[in-house]
Amino acid sequence: MCVLTKDLALKFEKAEIDSLTSRLMAVQSIKDNSMCVDIRDFGGARAFSVKHIPGPAFNTVKGLSTEAIPFLDHILDFFKEKRSLADLN
């Protein structure tokens, strides 16, 4: 019987973050980043934004932990900036 431990959960989370990062970096490299992909790190958390793919699957934050608490305002500003830029277009 397999039991989900904290260590195993963190490994799964890291794999998910690495996979999403890899996919979005590939999209980012297409046609001068025409999908407007932005990936930023905030104290152990990684924020993903894709302007031309709305919804939570690609516009999300992964890896949130207590280490990211000092960066919460920066994370919120990151997404507010993306929303403001979308309103201009």
PDB file of N, CA and C in Angstrom:
ATOM      1  N   MET A   1       0.843  -1.179   0.000  1.00  0.00           N
ATOM      2  CA  MET A   1       0.000   0.000   0.000  1.00  0.00           C
ATOM      3  C   MET A   1       0.888   1.243   0.000  1.00  0.00           C
ATOM      4  N   CYS A   2       0.617   2.168  -0.887  1.00  0.00           N
ATOM      5  CA  CYS A   2       1.392   3.404  -0.986  1.00  0.00           C
ATOM      6  C   CYS A   2       0.688   4.505  -0.190  1.00  0.00           C
ATOM      7  N   VAL A   3       1.461   5.149   0.638  1.00  0.00           N
ATOM      8  CA  VAL A   3       0.932   6.246   1.445  1.00  0.00           C
ATOM      9  C   VAL A   3       1.560   7.543   0.954  1.00  0.00           C
ATOM     10  N   LEU A   4       0.733   8.530   0.762  1.00  0.00           N
ATOM     11  CA  LEU A   4       1.233   9.827   0.315  1.00  0.00           C
ATOM     12  C   LEU A   4       1.880  10.548   1.490  1.00  0.00           C
ATOM     13  N   THR A   5       3.167  10.739   1.393  1.00  0.00           N
ATOM     14  CA  THR A   5       3.905  11.471   2.417  1.00  0.00           C
ATOM     15  C   THR A   5       4.114  12.903   1.945  1.00  0.00           C
ATOM     16  N   LYS A   6       4.527  13.749   2.851  1.00  0.00           N
ATOM     17  CA  LYS A   6       4.807  15.138   2.479  1.00  0.00           C
ATOM     18  C   LYS A   6       5.909  15.187   1.427  1.00  0.00           C
ATOM     19  N   ASP A   7       6.941  14.369   1.593  1.00  0.00           N
ATOM     20  CA  ASP A   7       8.051  14.341   0.647  1.00  0.00           C
ATOM     21  C   ASP A   7       7.571  13.925  -0.746  1.00  0.00           C
ATOM     22  N   LEU A   8       6.731  12.901  -0.799  1.00  0.00           N
ATOM     23  CA  LEU A   8       6.212  12.446  -2.086  1.00  0.00           C
ATOM     24  C   LEU A   8       5.306  13.502  -2.719  1.00  0.00           C
ATOM     25  N   ALA A   9       4.479  14.152  -1.913  1.00  0.00           N
ATOM     26  CA  ALA A   9       3.610  15.217  -2.424  1.00  0.00           C
ATOM     27  C   ALA A   9       4.436  16.362  -3.002  1.00  0.00           C
ATOM     28  N   LEU A  10       5.524  16.722  -2.332  1.00  0.00           N
ATOM     29  CA  LEU A  10       6.396  17.790  -2.836  1.00  0.00           C
ATOM     30  C   LEU A  10       7.062  17.388  -4.143  1.00  0.00           C
ATOM     31  N   LYS A  11       7.417  16.107  -4.280  1.00  0.00           N
ATOM     32  CA  LYS A  11       8.000  15.623  -5.537  1.00  0.00           C
ATOM     33  C   LYS A  11       6.980  15.707  -6.673  1.00  0.00           C
ATOM     34  N   PHE A  12       5.735  15.325  -6.386  1.00  0.00           N
ATOM     35  CA  PHE A  12       4.675  15.444  -7.396  1.00  0.00           C
ATOM     36  C   PHE A  12       4.464  16.905  -7.794  1.00  0.00           C
ATOM     37  N   GLU A  13       4.444  17.775  -6.803  1.00  0.00           N
ATOM     38  CA  GLU A  13       4.243  19.198  -7.078  1.00  0.00           C
ATOM     39  C   GLU A  13       5.386  19.750  -7.926  1.00  0.00           C
ATOM     40  N   LYS A  14       6.621  19.388  -7.600  1.00  0.00           N
ATOM     41  CA  LYS A  14       7.777  19.847  -8.378  1.00  0.00           C
ATOM     42  C   LYS A  14       7.692  19.339  -9.815  1.00  0.00           C
ATOM     43  N   ALA A  15       7.288  18.088  -9.985  1.00  0.00           N
ATOM     44  CA  ALA A  15       7.142  17.531 -11.333  1.00  0.00           C
ATOM     45  C   ALA A  15       6.083  18.298 -12.125  1.00  0.00           C
ATOM     46  N   GLU A  16       4.981  18.647 -11.468  1.00  0.00           N
ATOM     47  CA  GLU A  16       3.922  19.419 -12.127  1.00  0.00           C
ATOM     48  C   GLU A  16       4.429  20.805 -12.529  1.00  0.00           C
ATOM     49  N   ILE A  17       5.162  21.454 -11.633  1.00  0.00           N
ATOM     50  CA  ILE A  17       5.715  22.786 -11.919  1.00  0.00           C
ATOM     51  C   ILE A  17       6.710  22.711 -13.063  1.00  0.00           C
ATOM     52  N   ASP A  18       7.593  21.717 -13.011  1.00  0.00           N
ATOM     53  CA  ASP A  18       8.596  21.564 -14.071  1.00  0.00           C
ATOM     54  C   ASP A  18       7.944  21.278 -15.419  1.00  0.00           C
ATOM     55  N   SER A  19       6.904  20.458 -15.416  1.00  0.00           N
ATOM     56  CA  SER A  19       6.203  20.125 -16.655  1.00  0.00           C
ATOM     57  C   SER A  19       5.514  21.352 -17.246  1.00  0.00           C
ATOM     58  N   LEU A  20       4.791  22.090 -16.418  1.00  0.00           N
ATOM     59  CA  LEU A  20       4.103  23.295 -16.897  1.00  0.00           C
ATOM     60  C   LEU A  20       5.110  24.340 -17.375  1.00  0.00           C
ATOM     61  N   THR A  21       6.199  24.491 -16.638  1.00  0.00           N
ATOM     62  CA  THR A  21       7.249  25.436 -17.041  1.00  0.00           C
ATOM     63  C   THR A  21       7.805  25.065 -18.409  1.00  0.00           C
ATOM     64  N   SER A  22       8.110  23.790 -18.599  1.00  0.00           N
ATOM     65  CA  SER A  22       8.664  23.329 -19.871  1.00  0.00           C
ATOM     66  C   SER A  22       7.694  23.581 -21.025  1.00  0.00           C
ATOM     67  N   ARG A  23       6.430  23.240 -20.819  1.00  0.00           N
ATOM     68  CA  ARG A  23       5.432  23.438 -21.883  1.00  0.00           C
ATOM     69  C   ARG A  23       5.267  24.912 -22.221  1.00  0.00           C
ATOM     70  N   LEU A  24       5.174  25.735 -21.189  1.00  0.00           N
ATOM     71  CA  LEU A  24       4.942  27.160 -21.453  1.00  0.00           C
ATOM     72  C   LEU A  24       6.184  27.855 -22.004  1.00  0.00           C
ATOM     73  N   MET A  25       7.371  27.393 -21.635  1.00  0.00           N
ATOM     74  CA  MET A  25       8.583  27.971 -22.234  1.00  0.00           C
ATOM     75  C   MET A  25       8.649  27.633 -23.721  1.00  0.00           C
ATOM     76  N   ALA A  26       8.172  26.451 -24.092  1.00  0.00           N
ATOM     77  CA  ALA A  26       8.119  26.092 -25.509  1.00  0.00           C
ATOM     78  C   ALA A  26       7.133  26.997 -26.245  1.00  0.00           C
ATOM     79  N   VAL A  27       5.970  27.237 -25.652  1.00  0.00           N
ATOM     80  CA  VAL A  27       4.981  28.139 -26.254  1.00  0.00           C
ATOM     81  C   VAL A  27       5.546  29.556 -26.325  1.00  0.00           C
ATOM     82  N   GLN A  28       6.255  29.961 -25.287  1.00  0.00           N
ATOM     83  CA  GLN A  28       6.834  31.307 -25.219  1.00  0.00           C
ATOM     84  C   GLN A  28       7.821  31.546 -26.360  1.00  0.00           C
ATOM     85  N   SER A  29       8.490  30.496 -26.805  1.00  0.00           N
ATOM     86  CA  SER A  29       9.516  30.652 -27.840  1.00  0.00           C
ATOM     87  C   SER A  29       8.941  30.701 -29.257  1.00  0.00           C
ATOM     88  N   ILE A  30       7.645  30.477 -29.396  1.00  0.00           N
ATOM     89  CA  ILE A  30       7.016  30.470 -30.720  1.00  0.00           C
ATOM     90  C   ILE A  30       6.646  31.892 -31.137  1.00  0.00           C
ATOM     91  N   LYS A  31       7.039  32.269 -32.337  1.00  0.00           N
ATOM     92  CA  LYS A  31       6.635  33.537 -32.960  1.00  0.00           C
ATOM     93  C   LYS A  31       6.709  34.725 -32.007  1.00  0.00           C
ATOM     94  N   ASP A  32       7.869  34.976 -31.482  1.00  0.00           N
ATOM     95  CA  ASP A  32       8.080  36.144 -30.613  1.00  0.00           C
ATOM     96  C   ASP A  32       7.103  36.207 -29.443  1.00  0.00           C
ATOM     97  N   ASN A  33       6.831  35.054 -28.849  1.00  0.00           N
ATOM     98  CA  ASN A  33       5.951  34.979 -27.681  1.00  0.00           C
ATOM     99  C   ASN A  33       4.566  35.550 -27.987  1.00  0.00           C
ATOM    100  N   SER A  34       3.999  35.134 -29.101  1.00  0.00           N
ATOM    101  CA  SER A  34       2.700  35.665 -29.531  1.00  0.00           C
ATOM    102  C   SER A  34       1.554  35.310 -28.580  1.00  0.00           C
ATOM    103  N   MET A  35       1.737  34.309 -27.732  1.00  0.00           N
ATOM    104  CA  MET A  35       0.699  33.952 -26.750  1.00  0.00           C
ATOM    105  C   MET A  35       0.845  34.766 -25.466  1.00  0.00           C
ATOM    106  N   CYS A  36       1.908  35.579 -25.397  1.00  0.00           N
ATOM    107  CA  CYS A  36       2.172  36.436 -24.230  1.00  0.00           C
ATOM    108  C   CYS A  36       2.329  35.625 -22.945  1.00  0.00           C
ATOM    109  N   VAL A  37       3.210  34.645 -22.992  1.00  0.00           N
ATOM    110  CA  VAL A  37       3.521  33.824 -21.822  1.00  0.00           C
ATOM    111  C   VAL A  37       4.473  34.593 -20.921  1.00  0.00           C
ATOM    112  N   ASP A  38       4.197  34.577 -19.632  1.00  0.00           N
ATOM    113  CA  ASP A  38       5.094  35.182 -18.643  1.00  0.00           C
ATOM    114  C   ASP A  38       5.190  34.219 -17.466  1.00  0.00           C
ATOM    115  N   ILE A  39       6.406  33.918 -17.062  1.00  0.00           N
ATOM    116  CA  ILE A  39       6.666  33.017 -15.944  1.00  0.00           C
ATOM    117  C   ILE A  39       7.601  33.740 -14.993  1.00  0.00           C
ATOM    118  N   ARG A  40       7.191  33.835 -13.727  1.00  0.00           N
ATOM    119  CA  ARG A  40       8.039  34.524 -12.740  1.00  0.00           C
ATOM    120  C   ARG A  40       8.071  33.751 -11.435  1.00  0.00           C
ATOM    121  N   ASP A  41       9.222  33.816 -10.784  1.00  0.00           N
ATOM    122  CA  ASP A  41       9.407  33.170  -9.488  1.00  0.00           C
ATOM    123  C   ASP A  41       9.285  34.190  -8.371  1.00  0.00           C
ATOM    124  N   PHE A  42       8.618  33.765  -7.310  1.00  0.00           N
ATOM    125  CA  PHE A  42       8.416  34.606  -6.129  1.00  0.00           C
ATOM    126  C   PHE A  42       8.665  33.765  -4.884  1.00  0.00           C
ATOM    127  N   GLY A  43       9.881  33.778  -4.374  1.00  0.00           N
ATOM    128  CA  GLY A  43      10.184  33.102  -3.120  1.00  0.00           C
ATOM    129  C   GLY A  43       9.789  31.642  -3.063  1.00  0.00           C
ATOM    130  N   GLY A  44      10.117  30.873  -4.049  1.00  0.00           N
ATOM    131  CA  GLY A  44       9.790  29.457  -4.073  1.00  0.00           C
ATOM    132  C   GLY A  44       8.490  29.142  -4.792  1.00  0.00           C
ATOM    133  N   ALA A  45       7.679  30.146  -5.050  1.00  0.00           N
ATOM    134  CA  ALA A  45       6.447  29.958  -5.819  1.00  0.00           C
ATOM    135  C   ALA A  45       6.704  30.422  -7.249  1.00  0.00           C
ATOM    136  N   ARG A  46       6.002  29.823  -8.185  1.00  0.00           N
ATOM    137  CA  ARG A  46       6.150  30.220  -9.584  1.00  0.00           C
ATOM    138  C   ARG A  46       4.790  30.624 -10.131  1.00  0.00           C
ATOM    139  N   ALA A  47       4.728  31.826 -10.691  1.00  0.00           N
ATOM    140  CA  ALA A  47       3.495  32.346 -11.281  1.00  0.00           C
ATOM    141  C   ALA A  47       3.558  32.179 -12.794  1.00  0.00           C
ATOM    142  N   PHE A  48       2.442  31.743 -13.354  1.00  0.00           N
ATOM    143  CA  PHE A  48       2.317  31.527 -14.790  1.00  0.00           C
ATOM    144  C   PHE A  48       1.181  32.395 -15.316  1.00  0.00           C
ATOM    145  N   SER A  49       1.429  33.064 -16.427  1.00  0.00           N
ATOM    146  CA  SER A  49       0.392  33.865 -17.066  1.00  0.00           C
ATOM    147  C   SER A  49       0.491  33.672 -18.577  1.00  0.00           C
ATOM    148  N   VAL A  50      -0.644  33.366 -19.193  1.00  0.00           N
ATOM    149  CA  VAL A  50      -0.722  33.243 -20.647  1.00  0.00           C
ATOM    150  C   VAL A  50      -1.931  34.056 -21.096  1.00  0.00           C
ATOM    151  N   LYS A  51      -1.645  35.199 -21.690  1.00  0.00           N
ATOM    152  CA  LYS A  51      -2.710  36.141 -22.057  1.00  0.00           C
ATOM    153  C   LYS A  51      -3.749  35.521 -22.985  1.00  0.00           C
ATOM    154  N   HIS A  52      -3.302  34.758 -23.965  1.00  0.00           N
ATOM    155  CA  HIS A  52      -4.210  34.259 -24.993  1.00  0.00           C
ATOM    156  C   HIS A  52      -4.758  32.864 -24.698  1.00  0.00           C
ATOM    157  N   ILE A  53      -4.582  32.389 -23.487  1.00  0.00           N
ATOM    158  CA  ILE A  53      -5.232  31.157 -23.035  1.00  0.00           C
ATOM    159  C   ILE A  53      -5.852  31.473 -21.682  1.00  0.00           C
ATOM    160  N   PRO A  54      -7.065  32.002 -21.671  1.00  0.00           N
ATOM    161  CA  PRO A  54      -7.688  32.372 -20.402  1.00  0.00           C
ATOM    162  C   PRO A  54      -8.047  31.135 -19.586  1.00  0.00           C
ATOM    163  N   GLY A  55      -8.189  31.330 -18.316  1.00  0.00           N
ATOM    164  CA  GLY A  55      -8.587  30.242 -17.431  1.00  0.00           C
ATOM    165  C   GLY A  55      -7.485  29.864 -16.467  1.00  0.00           C
ATOM    166  N   PRO A  56      -7.831  29.069 -15.467  1.00  0.00           N
ATOM    167  CA  PRO A  56      -6.900  28.781 -14.375  1.00  0.00           C
ATOM    168  C   PRO A  56      -5.804  27.769 -14.696  1.00  0.00           C
ATOM    169  N   ALA A  57      -5.930  27.009 -15.765  1.00  0.00           N
ATOM    170  CA  ALA A  57      -4.923  25.985 -16.044  1.00  0.00           C
ATOM    171  C   ALA A  57      -3.554  26.591 -16.348  1.00  0.00           C
ATOM    172  N   PHE A  58      -3.532  27.724 -17.038  1.00  0.00           N
ATOM    173  CA  PHE A  58      -2.272  28.346 -17.426  1.00  0.00           C
ATOM    174  C   PHE A  58      -2.065  29.715 -16.795  1.00  0.00           C
ATOM    175  N   ASN A  59      -2.969  30.154 -15.989  1.00  0.00           N
ATOM    176  CA  ASN A  59      -2.858  31.430 -15.280  1.00  0.00           C
ATOM    177  C   ASN A  59      -3.006  31.113 -13.800  1.00  0.00           C
ATOM    178  N   THR A  60      -1.887  30.752 -13.205  1.00  0.00           N
ATOM    179  CA  THR A  60      -1.925  30.162 -11.874  1.00  0.00           C
ATOM    180  C   THR A  60      -0.607  30.372 -11.147  1.00  0.00           C
ATOM    181  N   VAL A  61      -0.601  30.023  -9.880  1.00  0.00           N
ATOM    182  CA  VAL A  61       0.621  30.026  -9.076  1.00  0.00           C
ATOM    183  C   VAL A  61       0.795  28.620  -8.532  1.00  0.00           C
ATOM    184  N   LYS A  62       1.987  28.085  -8.673  1.00  0.00           N
ATOM    185  CA  LYS A  62       2.305  26.747  -8.165  1.00  0.00           C
ATOM    186  C   LYS A  62       3.437  26.868  -7.155  1.00  0.00           C
ATOM    187  N   GLY A  63       3.450  25.955  -6.219  1.00  0.00           N
ATOM    188  CA  GLY A  63       4.541  25.903  -5.246  1.00  0.00           C
ATOM    189  C   GLY A  63       4.407  26.879  -4.098  1.00  0.00           C
ATOM    190  N   LEU A  64       3.192  27.313  -3.821  1.00  0.00           N
ATOM    191  CA  LEU A  64       2.997  28.243  -2.703  1.00  0.00           C
ATOM    192  C   LEU A  64       3.301  27.553  -1.378  1.00  0.00           C
ATOM    193  N   SER A  65       4.031  28.241  -0.546  1.00  0.00           N
ATOM    194  CA  SER A  65       4.339  27.753   0.798  1.00  0.00           C
ATOM    195  C   SER A  65       4.550  28.975   1.689  1.00  0.00           C
ATOM    196  N   THR A  66       4.903  28.727   2.926  1.00  0.00           N
ATOM    197  CA  THR A  66       5.138  29.847   3.840  1.00  0.00           C
ATOM    198  C   THR A  66       6.289  30.726   3.363  1.00  0.00           C
ATOM    199  N   GLU A  67       7.199  30.172   2.571  1.00  0.00           N
ATOM    200  CA  GLU A  67       8.312  30.970   2.031  1.00  0.00           C
ATOM    201  C   GLU A  67       7.812  32.089   1.119  1.00  0.00           C
ATOM    202  N   ALA A  68       6.642  31.907   0.536  1.00  0.00           N
ATOM    203  CA  ALA A  68       6.110  32.889  -0.421  1.00  0.00           C
ATOM    204  C   ALA A  68       5.306  33.996   0.250  1.00  0.00           C
ATOM    205  N   ILE A  69       5.032  33.875   1.539  1.00  0.00           N
ATOM    206  CA  ILE A  69       4.203  34.878   2.221  1.00  0.00           C
ATOM    207  C   ILE A  69       4.727  36.301   2.019  1.00  0.00           C
ATOM    208  N   PRO A  70       6.039  36.551   2.149  1.00  0.00           N
ATOM    209  CA  PRO A  70       6.515  37.924   1.935  1.00  0.00           C
ATOM    210  C   PRO A  70       6.321  38.430   0.496  1.00  0.00           C
ATOM    211  N   PHE A  71       6.031  37.518  -0.425  1.00  0.00           N
ATOM    212  CA  PHE A  71       5.909  37.881  -1.838  1.00  0.00           C
ATOM    213  C   PHE A  71       4.460  37.943  -2.320  1.00  0.00           C
ATOM    214  N   LEU A  72       3.499  37.748  -1.418  1.00  0.00           N
ATOM    215  CA  LEU A  72       2.097  37.706  -1.845  1.00  0.00           C
ATOM    216  C   LEU A  72       1.655  38.981  -2.555  1.00  0.00           C
ATOM    217  N   ASP A  73       2.059  40.129  -2.055  1.00  0.00           N
ATOM    218  CA  ASP A  73       1.695  41.386  -2.732  1.00  0.00           C
ATOM    219  C   ASP A  73       2.305  41.455  -4.126  1.00  0.00           C
ATOM    220  N   HIS A  74       3.525  40.958  -4.275  1.00  0.00           N
ATOM    221  CA  HIS A  74       4.178  40.952  -5.592  1.00  0.00           C
ATOM    222  C   HIS A  74       3.447  40.011  -6.555  1.00  0.00           C
ATOM    223  N   ILE A  75       3.010  38.867  -6.026  1.00  0.00           N
ATOM    224  CA  ILE A  75       2.264  37.919  -6.858  1.00  0.00           C
ATOM    225  C   ILE A  75       0.945  38.544  -7.306  1.00  0.00           C
ATOM    226  N   LEU A  76       0.243  39.173  -6.388  1.00  0.00           N
ATOM    227  CA  LEU A  76      -1.014  39.843  -6.743  1.00  0.00           C
ATOM    228  C   LEU A  76      -0.779  40.953  -7.759  1.00  0.00           C
ATOM    229  N   ASP A  77       0.282  41.728  -7.579  1.00  0.00           N
ATOM    230  CA  ASP A  77       0.610  42.793  -8.536  1.00  0.00           C
ATOM    231  C   ASP A  77       0.908  42.222  -9.918  1.00  0.00           C
ATOM    232  N   PHE A  78       1.582  41.081  -9.967  1.00  0.00           N
ATOM    233  CA  PHE A  78       1.889  40.410 -11.232  1.00  0.00           C
ATOM    234  C   PHE A  78       0.599  40.146 -12.015  1.00  0.00           C
ATOM    235  N   PHE A  79      -0.403  39.580 -11.339  1.00  0.00           N
ATOM    236  CA  PHE A  79      -1.657  39.270 -12.025  1.00  0.00           C
ATOM    237  C   PHE A  79      -2.505  40.509 -12.281  1.00  0.00           C
ATOM    238  N   LYS A  80      -2.452  41.487 -11.397  1.00  0.00           N
ATOM    239  CA  LYS A  80      -3.166  42.748 -11.650  1.00  0.00           C
ATOM    240  C   LYS A  80      -2.601  43.433 -12.884  1.00  0.00           C
ATOM    241  N   GLU A  81      -1.277  43.413 -13.025  1.00  0.00           N
ATOM    242  CA  GLU A  81      -0.627  44.004 -14.200  1.00  0.00           C
ATOM    243  C   GLU A  81      -1.085  43.294 -15.464  1.00  0.00           C
ATOM    244  N   LYS A  82      -1.172  41.983 -15.408  1.00  0.00           N
ATOM    245  CA  LYS A  82      -1.611  41.221 -16.584  1.00  0.00           C
ATOM    246  C   LYS A  82      -3.053  41.576 -16.938  1.00  0.00           C
ATOM    247  N   ARG A  83      -3.902  41.705 -15.933  1.00  0.00           N
ATOM    248  CA  ARG A  83      -5.303  42.049 -16.178  1.00  0.00           C
ATOM    249  C   ARG A  83      -5.419  43.464 -16.738  1.00  0.00           C
ATOM    250  N   SER A  84      -4.626  44.391 -16.217  1.00  0.00           N
ATOM    251  CA  SER A  84      -4.649  45.772 -16.710  1.00  0.00           C
ATOM    252  C   SER A  84      -4.204  45.843 -18.157  1.00  0.00           C
ATOM    253  N   LEU A  85      -3.171  45.095 -18.504  1.00  0.00           N
ATOM    254  CA  LEU A  85      -2.702  45.080 -19.889  1.00  0.00           C
ATOM    255  C   LEU A  85      -3.756  44.479 -20.806  1.00  0.00           C
ATOM    256  N   ALA A  86      -4.473  43.476 -20.323  1.00  0.00           N
ATOM    257  CA  ALA A  86      -5.529  42.860 -21.133  1.00  0.00           C
ATOM    258  C   ALA A  86      -6.668  43.845 -21.371  1.00  0.00           C
ATOM    259  N   ASP A  87      -6.964  44.672 -20.378  1.00  0.00           N
ATOM    260  CA  ASP A  87      -8.033  45.664 -20.519  1.00  0.00           C
ATOM    261  C   ASP A  87      -7.687  46.727 -21.559  1.00  0.00           C
ATOM    262  N   LEU A  88      -6.396  46.968 -21.766  1.00  0.00           N
ATOM    263  CA  LEU A  88      -5.970  47.970 -22.740  1.00  0.00           C
ATOM    264  C   LEU A  88      -6.142  47.478 -24.174  1.00  0.00           C
ATOM    265  N   ASN A  89      -6.115  46.178 -24.352  1.00  0.00           N
ATOM    266  CA  ASN A  89      -6.180  45.617 -25.717  1.00  0.00           C
ATOM    267  C   ASN A  89      -7.561  45.307 -26.147  1.00  0.00           C
TER     268      ASN A  89
END
